Protein backbone atom coordinates (compact mmCIF):
# COMPACT_ATOMS: atom_id res chain seq x y z
CA MET A 1 -58.84 100.54 -12.91
CA ILE A 2 -55.42 100.91 -14.52
CA THR A 3 -56.48 104.30 -15.87
CA GLN A 4 -57.73 105.24 -12.40
CA ALA A 5 -54.30 104.51 -10.88
CA GLN A 6 -52.04 105.98 -13.55
CA GLY A 7 -50.26 109.16 -12.57
CA LEU A 8 -51.42 109.09 -8.94
CA THR A 9 -49.02 109.01 -6.03
CA LEU A 10 -49.81 107.45 -2.67
CA PHE A 11 -49.89 110.92 -1.16
CA ASP A 12 -52.34 112.26 -3.72
CA ILE A 13 -54.73 109.80 -2.08
CA TRP A 14 -53.49 109.95 1.51
CA ASP A 15 -53.49 113.75 1.73
CA SER A 16 -57.01 113.79 0.33
CA GLN A 17 -58.20 111.33 3.00
CA VAL A 18 -56.56 113.40 5.75
CA ARG A 19 -58.26 116.52 4.44
CA LEU A 20 -61.69 114.92 3.98
CA ARG A 21 -61.86 112.79 7.16
CA PRO A 22 -59.20 113.96 9.62
CA GLN A 23 -61.02 112.57 12.67
CA ALA A 24 -61.91 109.20 11.10
CA GLU A 25 -60.09 106.22 12.57
CA PHE A 26 -57.25 105.03 10.33
CA LEU A 27 -55.36 102.48 12.44
CA VAL A 28 -56.20 100.24 15.37
CA TYR A 29 -53.26 98.23 16.72
CA GLU A 30 -53.54 95.42 19.25
CA ASP A 31 -50.66 93.66 20.96
CA HIS A 32 -52.41 90.99 23.02
CA ALA A 33 -49.12 89.91 24.65
CA CYS A 34 -48.95 93.33 26.31
CA ASP A 35 -52.73 93.67 26.49
CA THR A 36 -52.58 97.03 24.73
CA VAL A 37 -54.75 98.65 22.06
CA ARG A 38 -53.79 101.93 20.40
CA THR A 39 -55.67 103.96 17.81
CA TRP A 40 -54.88 106.80 15.40
CA THR A 41 -57.09 109.04 13.31
CA TYR A 42 -56.04 109.95 9.79
CA ARG A 43 -54.81 113.34 11.06
CA GLU A 44 -52.89 111.84 13.97
CA PHE A 45 -51.18 109.24 11.81
CA ASP A 46 -50.32 111.88 9.22
CA GLU A 47 -48.37 113.72 11.90
CA GLU A 48 -46.51 110.50 12.78
CA ILE A 49 -45.66 110.00 9.10
CA ASN A 50 -44.33 113.56 8.84
CA ARG A 51 -42.19 113.22 11.95
CA THR A 52 -40.76 109.94 10.65
CA SER A 53 -40.13 111.45 7.20
CA ASN A 54 -38.19 114.31 8.78
CA LEU A 55 -36.28 111.85 10.96
CA PHE A 56 -35.14 109.93 7.89
CA LEU A 57 -34.13 113.15 6.12
CA SER A 58 -32.11 114.17 9.19
CA ARG A 59 -30.17 110.88 8.92
CA GLY A 60 -29.14 111.69 5.37
CA ILE A 61 -31.63 109.39 3.66
CA GLY A 62 -32.68 110.71 0.28
CA ALA A 63 -34.55 109.78 -2.86
CA GLY A 64 -33.55 106.38 -4.19
CA ASP A 65 -31.82 105.24 -0.98
CA ALA A 66 -32.80 101.78 0.26
CA VAL A 67 -33.81 101.40 3.91
CA ALA A 68 -34.07 97.90 5.37
CA VAL A 69 -36.82 97.47 7.96
CA GLN A 70 -37.09 94.42 10.22
CA LEU A 71 -40.03 94.77 12.58
CA ASN A 72 -42.88 92.64 13.82
CA ASN A 73 -46.37 93.96 13.10
CA CYS A 74 -46.45 97.40 14.70
CA PRO A 75 -47.47 100.99 13.87
CA GLU A 76 -43.83 101.99 13.36
CA LEU A 77 -43.60 99.63 10.40
CA ILE A 78 -46.51 101.33 8.66
CA GLU A 79 -45.00 104.72 9.49
CA CYS A 80 -41.81 103.60 7.74
CA ILE A 81 -43.66 102.50 4.60
CA PHE A 82 -45.39 105.87 4.29
CA ALA A 83 -42.48 108.05 5.41
CA LEU A 84 -39.97 106.47 3.04
CA CYS A 85 -42.44 106.88 0.20
CA ARG A 86 -43.01 110.52 1.16
CA ILE A 87 -39.29 111.33 0.74
CA GLY A 88 -38.77 109.07 -2.29
CA ALA A 89 -36.64 106.44 -0.52
CA ILE A 90 -37.06 102.69 -1.05
CA TYR A 91 -38.65 100.48 1.60
CA VAL A 92 -37.04 97.03 1.94
CA PRO A 93 -38.91 94.80 4.41
CA ILE A 94 -37.10 91.92 6.08
CA HIS A 95 -39.32 89.20 7.46
CA PRO A 96 -39.18 89.13 11.27
CA GLU A 97 -38.35 85.42 11.28
CA TYR A 98 -35.32 85.73 9.01
CA THR A 99 -31.97 84.86 10.49
CA VAL A 100 -29.10 87.34 10.68
CA GLU A 101 -27.48 85.70 7.65
CA GLU A 102 -30.68 85.93 5.57
CA ALA A 103 -31.14 89.57 6.55
CA ARG A 104 -27.56 90.47 5.69
CA THR A 105 -27.94 88.85 2.28
CA ILE A 106 -30.90 91.11 1.56
CA MET A 107 -29.24 94.24 2.96
CA ALA A 108 -26.17 93.62 0.82
CA ASP A 109 -28.21 92.94 -2.31
CA CYS A 110 -30.31 96.11 -2.02
CA ASP A 111 -27.33 98.29 -0.99
CA ALA A 112 -29.13 99.36 2.17
CA HIS A 113 -28.33 102.84 3.50
CA THR A 114 -30.03 102.41 6.89
CA LEU A 115 -31.50 99.65 9.04
CA VAL A 116 -34.63 100.13 11.16
CA ILE A 117 -34.82 97.17 13.51
CA GLU A 118 -36.64 95.98 16.60
CA GLN A 119 -34.56 95.67 19.75
CA CYS A 120 -35.41 91.97 20.17
CA PHE A 121 -33.55 91.14 16.93
CA LEU A 122 -30.42 93.01 18.03
CA ASP A 123 -30.41 90.92 21.20
CA PHE A 124 -29.41 87.93 19.06
CA ASP A 125 -26.43 89.75 17.53
CA PRO A 126 -25.43 93.29 18.57
CA ALA A 127 -23.41 93.59 15.33
CA TYR A 128 -26.50 92.80 13.24
CA GLY A 129 -26.45 96.03 11.22
CA GLU A 130 -22.72 96.65 11.36
CA GLY A 131 -21.71 99.23 8.77
CA LEU A 132 -25.22 100.69 8.50
CA ASP A 133 -26.84 103.62 10.24
CA THR A 134 -29.19 101.80 12.63
CA ILE A 135 -32.40 103.04 14.23
CA VAL A 136 -33.91 100.84 16.94
CA VAL A 137 -37.61 100.42 17.72
CA GLY A 138 -38.15 99.50 21.36
CA GLY A 139 -34.62 100.30 22.41
CA ASP A 140 -33.59 102.51 25.31
CA CYS A 141 -30.50 104.15 23.82
CA VAL A 142 -31.42 107.77 23.11
CA ASP A 143 -28.99 108.11 20.20
CA VAL A 144 -30.69 105.41 18.11
CA CYS A 145 -34.18 105.06 19.64
CA PHE A 146 -36.83 105.45 16.94
CA THR A 147 -39.48 106.93 19.24
CA GLN A 148 -37.22 109.46 20.94
CA LEU A 149 -35.53 110.55 17.72
CA LYS A 150 -38.90 110.99 16.03
CA GLN A 151 -40.33 113.18 18.78
CA THR A 152 -37.69 115.84 18.13
CA GLN A 153 -38.89 116.23 14.53
CA ALA A 154 -41.42 118.68 13.09
CA ILE A 155 -44.94 117.57 12.20
CA THR A 156 -44.91 119.54 8.96
CA ALA A 157 -44.66 117.48 5.79
CA PRO A 158 -41.52 117.59 3.64
CA ALA A 159 -41.78 118.92 0.10
CA ARG A 160 -44.32 116.92 -1.88
CA ARG A 161 -43.30 114.78 -4.85
CA VAL A 162 -45.27 115.16 -8.07
CA GLU A 163 -44.32 112.03 -10.02
CA PRO A 164 -44.93 108.44 -8.80
CA MET A 165 -41.83 106.57 -7.60
CA PRO A 166 -40.38 104.08 -10.11
CA ILE A 167 -39.38 101.86 -7.17
CA MET A 168 -41.28 102.26 -3.90
CA GLU A 169 -40.28 98.91 -2.42
CA ILE A 170 -38.03 95.92 -3.01
CA LEU A 171 -39.89 92.92 -1.64
CA TYR A 172 -37.80 89.77 -1.43
CA THR A 173 -39.67 86.56 -2.12
CA SER A 174 -38.68 83.51 -0.12
CA GLY A 175 -36.84 80.77 -1.99
CA THR A 176 -36.33 77.17 -0.98
CA THR A 177 -33.30 76.37 -3.12
CA SER A 178 -31.64 79.74 -3.74
CA ALA A 179 -31.33 83.27 -2.41
CA PRO A 180 -34.57 85.28 -2.49
CA LYS A 181 -35.36 87.53 -5.45
CA GLY A 182 -36.09 91.21 -4.99
CA VAL A 183 -39.43 92.11 -6.57
CA MET A 184 -39.56 95.80 -7.50
CA ILE A 185 -42.88 97.35 -6.44
CA THR A 186 -43.69 100.79 -7.83
CA GLU A 187 -45.83 103.49 -6.26
CA GLN A 188 -48.38 102.92 -9.02
CA ASN A 189 -48.43 99.23 -8.07
CA PHE A 190 -49.47 100.27 -4.56
CA VAL A 191 -52.20 102.61 -5.81
CA PHE A 192 -53.53 100.13 -8.38
CA SER A 193 -53.66 97.37 -5.74
CA GLY A 194 -55.71 99.58 -3.47
CA TYR A 195 -58.35 100.26 -6.10
CA TYR A 196 -58.36 96.62 -7.25
CA VAL A 197 -59.06 95.24 -3.76
CA ASN A 198 -61.65 97.98 -3.20
CA TRP A 199 -63.47 96.40 -6.16
CA GLN A 200 -62.91 92.82 -4.93
CA LEU A 201 -64.31 93.50 -1.48
CA GLN A 202 -66.65 96.36 -2.42
CA MET A 203 -64.99 98.42 0.29
CA ARG A 204 -66.42 101.56 1.82
CA GLU A 205 -65.34 104.16 4.38
CA THR A 206 -67.10 102.36 7.23
CA ASP A 207 -65.16 99.11 6.75
CA ARG A 208 -62.80 97.83 9.42
CA TYR A 209 -60.30 95.44 7.85
CA VAL A 210 -58.70 93.00 10.32
CA THR A 211 -55.34 91.44 9.44
CA THR A 212 -52.71 89.39 11.23
CA MET A 213 -50.57 88.92 8.11
CA ALA A 214 -46.94 89.94 8.52
CA ALA A 215 -46.70 93.60 7.57
CA SER A 216 -43.52 92.73 5.69
CA HIS A 217 -45.57 90.59 3.29
CA VAL A 218 -47.29 91.54 0.03
CA ASN A 219 -50.69 90.26 1.22
CA MET A 220 -50.83 92.69 4.11
CA GLN A 221 -49.39 95.67 2.24
CA LEU A 222 -51.20 95.46 -1.10
CA SER A 223 -54.38 93.58 -0.14
CA ALA A 224 -55.06 95.25 3.23
CA LEU A 225 -53.12 98.49 3.80
CA ALA A 226 -53.39 99.84 0.24
CA PRO A 227 -57.17 99.32 -0.11
CA VAL A 228 -57.82 100.76 3.35
CA VAL A 229 -56.09 103.96 2.24
CA THR A 230 -57.84 104.21 -1.13
CA ALA A 231 -61.23 103.55 0.51
CA GLY A 232 -60.66 105.81 3.51
CA ALA A 233 -61.45 102.86 5.80
CA THR A 234 -59.89 101.56 9.05
CA LEU A 235 -57.05 99.03 9.33
CA VAL A 236 -57.10 96.77 12.39
CA LEU A 237 -53.56 95.38 12.73
CA LEU A 238 -52.96 92.54 15.18
CA ARG A 239 -49.37 91.96 16.22
CA ARG A 240 -49.68 88.18 16.05
CA TYR A 241 -52.20 85.58 14.96
CA SER A 242 -53.93 83.56 17.67
CA ALA A 243 -56.50 80.96 16.63
CA ARG A 244 -57.96 80.99 20.14
CA ARG A 245 -58.40 84.75 20.28
CA PHE A 246 -59.09 85.56 16.62
CA TRP A 247 -62.88 85.80 16.54
CA THR A 248 -62.94 87.52 19.93
CA GLN A 249 -60.58 90.15 18.50
CA VAL A 250 -62.67 90.50 15.35
CA ARG A 251 -65.79 91.15 17.45
CA LYS A 252 -63.94 93.47 19.80
CA HIS A 253 -62.78 95.72 16.96
CA GLY A 254 -65.96 95.54 14.88
CA GLY A 255 -64.24 93.89 11.93
CA THR A 256 -66.20 93.79 8.67
CA LEU A 257 -63.44 92.26 6.50
CA VAL A 258 -60.69 89.82 7.46
CA GLN A 259 -57.69 88.24 5.75
CA ALA A 260 -57.10 84.51 6.11
CA MET A 261 -55.00 81.72 4.65
CA ALA A 262 -55.06 77.93 4.87
CA MET A 263 -53.06 77.62 8.09
CA MET A 264 -55.40 80.03 9.82
CA ALA A 265 -58.51 78.24 8.64
CA LYS A 266 -57.20 74.87 9.83
CA THR A 267 -56.18 76.12 13.27
CA MET A 268 -59.47 77.96 13.74
CA MET A 269 -61.39 74.79 12.95
CA ALA A 270 -59.30 72.91 15.52
CA GLN A 271 -60.46 75.21 18.35
CA PRO A 272 -63.37 74.27 20.63
CA VAL A 273 -66.65 75.75 19.45
CA SER A 274 -67.36 79.09 21.11
CA PRO A 275 -70.88 80.53 21.38
CA GLY A 276 -69.66 83.95 20.23
CA GLU A 277 -67.68 82.90 17.17
CA THR A 278 -70.60 83.59 14.83
CA GLU A 279 -71.61 86.88 16.45
CA HIS A 280 -69.67 89.33 14.30
CA ASP A 281 -70.14 91.79 11.43
CA VAL A 282 -67.78 90.15 8.93
CA ARG A 283 -69.28 90.10 5.44
CA GLU A 284 -66.26 88.71 3.57
CA VAL A 285 -63.16 86.65 4.36
CA HIS A 286 -60.42 87.58 1.89
CA TYR A 287 -58.99 84.10 1.47
CA PHE A 288 -55.80 82.86 -0.18
CA LEU A 289 -56.00 79.28 -1.49
CA PRO A 290 -56.01 76.31 -0.95
CA MET A 291 -58.97 74.62 0.75
CA SER A 292 -61.12 71.68 -0.26
CA ALA A 293 -64.77 72.29 -1.10
CA ALA A 294 -65.87 70.25 1.91
CA ASP A 295 -63.59 72.16 4.31
CA LYS A 296 -64.77 75.44 2.81
CA GLU A 297 -68.40 74.57 3.49
CA ARG A 298 -67.62 73.52 7.07
CA PHE A 299 -65.64 76.70 7.71
CA GLU A 300 -68.35 78.98 6.34
CA ALA A 301 -71.09 77.18 8.25
CA ARG A 302 -69.24 77.15 11.56
CA PHE A 303 -68.12 80.78 11.56
CA ASN A 304 -71.06 82.28 9.66
CA VAL A 305 -68.86 83.85 6.97
CA ARG A 306 -68.39 83.84 3.22
CA LEU A 307 -64.99 83.14 1.66
CA LEU A 308 -63.78 85.15 -1.31
CA ASN A 309 -61.09 82.96 -2.88
CA ASN A 310 -58.28 84.44 -4.91
CA TYR A 311 -54.97 83.49 -6.48
CA GLY A 312 -51.93 85.64 -7.10
CA SER A 313 -48.26 86.14 -6.34
CA THR A 314 -45.86 88.86 -5.30
CA GLU A 315 -45.07 89.44 -8.97
CA ASP A 316 -48.70 90.15 -9.91
CA LEU A 317 -49.44 91.99 -6.65
CA VAL A 318 -53.01 90.94 -5.82
CA GLY A 319 -55.55 88.16 -6.36
CA VAL A 320 -55.47 88.42 -10.15
CA VAL A 321 -57.75 85.39 -10.44
CA THR A 322 -60.59 85.83 -7.99
CA ASP A 323 -64.15 85.26 -6.98
CA TYR A 324 -66.15 88.28 -8.04
CA PRO A 325 -67.91 90.40 -5.40
CA THR A 326 -71.28 89.71 -7.01
CA GLY A 327 -72.65 86.75 -8.92
CA PRO A 328 -71.90 83.04 -8.55
CA ARG A 329 -68.82 81.48 -6.99
CA ASN A 330 -67.64 78.13 -8.21
CA TRP A 331 -65.40 76.54 -5.57
CA PRO A 332 -62.92 74.80 -5.92
CA SER A 333 -62.32 77.10 -8.88
CA ILE A 334 -60.04 79.98 -7.90
CA GLY A 335 -62.36 82.30 -9.80
CA ARG A 336 -62.07 84.31 -12.98
CA VAL A 337 -59.49 86.81 -14.13
CA GLY A 338 -60.00 90.22 -12.53
CA PRO A 339 -60.24 93.68 -14.16
CA GLY A 340 -56.93 95.01 -15.45
CA TYR A 341 -55.65 91.53 -16.29
CA ASN A 342 -55.94 88.76 -18.87
CA ALA A 343 -55.14 85.10 -18.26
CA ARG A 344 -54.28 82.13 -20.44
CA ILE A 345 -53.21 78.52 -20.02
CA MET A 346 -50.07 77.70 -21.99
CA GLY A 347 -48.49 74.41 -23.03
CA ASP A 348 -45.23 73.70 -24.84
CA ASP A 349 -46.87 74.32 -28.23
CA GLY A 350 -49.07 77.29 -27.42
CA GLU A 351 -52.32 78.19 -25.69
CA LEU A 352 -54.38 75.27 -24.42
CA GLY A 353 -58.11 74.74 -24.60
CA PRO A 354 -60.65 74.13 -21.83
CA GLY A 355 -59.80 71.28 -19.47
CA GLN A 356 -56.14 71.05 -20.48
CA VAL A 357 -53.57 71.58 -17.72
CA GLY A 358 -50.78 74.04 -18.47
CA GLU A 359 -48.95 77.04 -17.07
CA ILE A 360 -51.10 79.92 -15.83
CA GLN A 361 -49.88 83.13 -17.45
CA ILE A 362 -51.11 86.60 -16.54
CA GLN A 363 -51.11 89.68 -18.76
CA GLY A 364 -50.95 93.11 -17.20
CA VAL A 365 -49.00 96.37 -17.31
CA PRO A 366 -45.51 96.10 -15.76
CA GLY A 367 -45.10 98.78 -13.13
CA VAL A 368 -48.87 99.25 -12.73
CA SER A 369 -50.71 95.92 -12.46
CA LEU A 370 -47.56 93.76 -12.51
CA MET A 371 -44.19 94.16 -10.80
CA ALA A 372 -41.63 96.37 -12.52
CA GLY A 373 -39.15 93.47 -12.50
CA TYR A 374 -36.53 91.80 -10.33
CA TRP A 375 -33.91 93.96 -8.63
CA LYS A 376 -30.51 93.61 -10.35
CA LYS A 377 -31.78 90.65 -12.38
CA PRO A 378 -32.61 91.88 -15.90
CA GLU A 379 -32.24 88.44 -17.48
CA LEU A 380 -34.61 86.83 -14.99
CA THR A 381 -37.03 89.71 -15.50
CA ALA A 382 -36.95 89.17 -19.26
CA GLN A 383 -37.59 85.43 -18.78
CA THR A 384 -40.50 86.05 -16.40
CA LEU A 385 -42.18 89.03 -18.07
CA VAL A 386 -42.54 88.22 -21.76
CA ASP A 387 -44.40 90.78 -23.89
CA GLY A 388 -46.46 91.86 -20.88
CA TRP A 389 -47.27 88.27 -19.87
CA LEU A 390 -46.12 87.04 -16.46
CA ARG A 391 -44.99 83.43 -16.48
CA THR A 392 -46.19 82.32 -13.06
CA GLY A 393 -44.69 78.83 -13.06
CA ASP A 394 -48.01 77.59 -11.66
CA PHE A 395 -50.27 75.07 -13.34
CA GLY A 396 -54.01 75.04 -13.85
CA TYR A 397 -56.77 74.87 -16.41
CA VAL A 398 -59.83 76.80 -17.52
CA ASP A 399 -63.28 75.34 -18.13
CA GLU A 400 -65.75 76.15 -20.89
CA GLU A 401 -67.31 78.98 -18.83
CA GLY A 402 -64.04 80.74 -18.04
CA TRP A 403 -63.59 79.48 -14.47
CA ILE A 404 -59.92 78.89 -13.68
CA TYR A 405 -58.68 75.99 -11.56
CA PHE A 406 -55.33 75.81 -9.81
CA THR A 407 -53.70 72.37 -9.91
CA ASP A 408 -50.12 72.80 -8.77
CA ARG A 409 -46.97 74.79 -8.43
CA HIS A 410 -44.42 74.31 -11.16
CA THR A 411 -42.11 72.43 -8.81
CA ASP A 412 -44.97 70.22 -7.65
CA ILE A 413 -45.46 68.22 -10.84
CA ILE A 414 -44.31 64.61 -10.71
CA LYS A 415 -43.33 62.92 -13.95
CA ARG A 416 -44.14 59.19 -13.83
CA SER A 417 -44.06 56.94 -16.87
CA GLY A 418 -44.63 59.95 -19.10
CA GLU A 419 -47.64 61.14 -17.08
CA ASN A 420 -47.80 64.46 -15.24
CA ILE A 421 -49.05 64.03 -11.67
CA SER A 422 -50.21 66.96 -9.55
CA CYS A 423 -48.89 66.77 -6.00
CA ALA A 424 -51.81 68.94 -4.85
CA GLU A 425 -54.31 66.49 -6.26
CA VAL A 426 -52.74 63.53 -4.43
CA GLU A 427 -52.48 65.59 -1.23
CA SER A 428 -56.15 66.51 -1.37
CA VAL A 429 -57.13 62.84 -1.53
CA LEU A 430 -54.80 61.76 1.27
CA ALA A 431 -56.05 64.63 3.45
CA ARG A 432 -59.53 63.05 3.45
CA TYR A 433 -58.28 59.86 5.07
CA PRO A 434 -59.24 59.65 8.77
CA GLY A 435 -56.34 60.31 11.11
CA ILE A 436 -54.15 62.34 8.75
CA ALA A 437 -53.42 65.82 10.11
CA GLU A 438 -51.04 67.04 7.40
CA VAL A 439 -49.54 65.62 4.23
CA ALA A 440 -47.04 66.66 1.59
CA VAL A 441 -46.38 64.81 -1.66
CA VAL A 442 -43.16 64.95 -3.68
CA GLY A 443 -41.56 63.09 -6.55
CA VAL A 444 -38.52 60.95 -5.80
CA GLU A 445 -36.19 59.16 -8.17
CA ASP A 446 -37.45 55.91 -9.70
CA SER A 447 -34.96 54.10 -11.92
CA ILE A 448 -37.71 52.63 -14.11
CA ARG A 449 -40.58 55.14 -14.16
CA ASP A 450 -38.68 58.46 -13.90
CA GLN A 451 -40.21 59.34 -10.54
CA ALA A 452 -42.15 57.65 -7.77
CA VAL A 453 -44.85 59.36 -5.73
CA LYS A 454 -43.80 59.87 -2.12
CA ALA A 455 -46.16 60.98 0.66
CA ALA A 456 -44.90 62.44 3.94
CA ILE A 457 -47.65 62.17 6.54
CA VAL A 458 -48.22 63.71 9.96
CA ALA A 459 -50.83 61.71 11.86
CA GLU A 460 -53.29 63.18 14.31
CA PRO A 461 -52.45 62.52 17.97
CA GLY A 462 -53.25 58.91 18.85
CA ALA A 463 -54.14 57.93 15.28
CA ARG A 464 -52.80 54.73 13.74
CA ILE A 465 -52.70 54.66 9.96
CA ASP A 466 -52.57 51.36 8.11
CA VAL A 467 -50.59 51.79 4.88
CA ASP A 468 -52.41 49.00 3.04
CA ASP A 469 -55.79 50.46 3.94
CA LEU A 470 -54.63 53.93 2.92
CA THR A 471 -53.47 52.60 -0.45
CA GLU A 472 -56.83 50.90 -0.97
CA PHE A 473 -58.55 54.18 -0.09
CA CYS A 474 -56.52 56.01 -2.75
CA ARG A 475 -57.60 53.57 -5.42
CA SER A 476 -61.13 54.93 -5.15
CA TYR A 477 -60.00 58.43 -6.09
CA LEU A 478 -56.73 58.24 -8.05
CA ALA A 479 -55.45 56.58 -11.19
CA TYR A 480 -53.02 53.81 -10.31
CA PHE A 481 -49.95 55.77 -11.36
CA LYS A 482 -50.86 58.60 -8.95
CA ILE A 483 -51.04 56.42 -5.84
CA PRO A 484 -48.04 56.90 -3.51
CA THR A 485 -45.61 54.00 -3.51
CA VAL A 486 -43.37 55.54 -0.83
CA ILE A 487 -44.96 56.61 2.46
CA THR A 488 -43.16 58.05 5.46
CA PHE A 489 -44.49 59.29 8.80
CA LEU A 490 -43.14 62.45 10.44
CA ASP A 491 -43.80 64.35 13.65
CA ALA A 492 -44.04 67.60 11.64
CA LEU A 493 -43.52 68.80 8.08
CA PRO A 494 -40.47 71.02 7.50
CA ARG A 495 -41.54 74.62 6.86
CA GLY A 496 -39.91 77.86 5.75
CA THR A 497 -40.34 81.41 7.01
CA TYR A 498 -43.82 81.96 5.58
CA GLY A 499 -45.10 78.53 6.57
CA LYS A 500 -44.53 77.01 3.14
CA VAL A 501 -43.63 73.30 3.26
CA LEU A 502 -39.97 72.79 2.30
CA LYS A 503 -40.53 69.93 -0.10
CA SER A 504 -36.86 69.82 -1.07
CA GLU A 505 -36.18 68.39 2.41
CA LEU A 506 -38.67 65.56 1.86
CA LYS A 507 -37.01 64.14 -1.24
């Protein structure tokens, strides 16, 4: 797979798809708020890419220039990804929920040349992109309107690059305690990811891959867009996720593959049962952990689907540990290491054996199957990528048969009386208790035992939870030192941009 990707550019593949299947459907876009659906063939979208490429060139954007893009899911965002790559410029996505201050931090860090932004974000602060050439999507000012500027451009492609870009994208990962880090994604990363996910999902030209993931996020770009291109399939991009509409939209667009994460699974299960929710053509749900074995079985049974679990990060691009497309699956294992990678479990004194919890480390090729590094952070890159091994900061273990199990994030280990306690393990037990809607577990200071286990709980509407009974319930599943000694009740858990619980606010 690494050999397959080496030396190829995105446009080696894209131009081939346009030539071989010009009339095949490439993109379906639905904005249910406006009740609109638009479609493009490979040939039609190629013309949009070329117009956008020429627009960027006309604004003085050249190879190596960084262009910040803050858009909701829309076709223009995908045009920007392709067009910037076509001219050798660097795509820098800014999450649509970021504040002005967060966006400016990113634009300053990447030395942005230009800002492409949706009009709705400028409404919050007209000086948003002050100092930058700004192009507006959805605006009505002719001088800066993306659509009108693009229509004046030629549909012929600019001169083609021969060598893959060393930096195609700088993707900033969200941080809870510090400024985000810019992960450098190469063009070969994009190509490798496409082929890797083609293997994971056994993709073919007839597939229609439905995603609601933010197009500014690695999951959408490298696990949906990239494999659609390498397979010559169809991407169905929904502007926003709606639990109530999701399966109706999947049926409407003939989806055969869908992306999903925990929040989506939970909200789908909370919807009233619909007679049509099992009447679809989906053969695989590309799922990103976590989910209990019991919830997984309920989800699959209710929606008549099969979940393909996988684990990865922005730094290692895709689901490097994954269920395989054929053969057994061993939930709640996160799978086995995928092709192009090696995995090991490391402790303080070296590699650990089966059943021992340690840090999950992933070996790959930087710039191909792993990120190239962190933008402007060579020391952090050297600490994270050590001799081709990515230090994930996540904990897990491997069993005798090679199945890998995720136990916790690095920051989610509680140290109590010399014992390591997995927050995820405690959370999974508490989540089984009747009446608990959501729960997050953190370690708080304990003057005698290093840390105490604290649980922050959101109860279901109308539920009354007895703390003594809950503690007794935990005793059936947890060692005594893992049982929460501090319990608080909240109306909602604090969450960051991507929905991640901000545990630092619970301590």
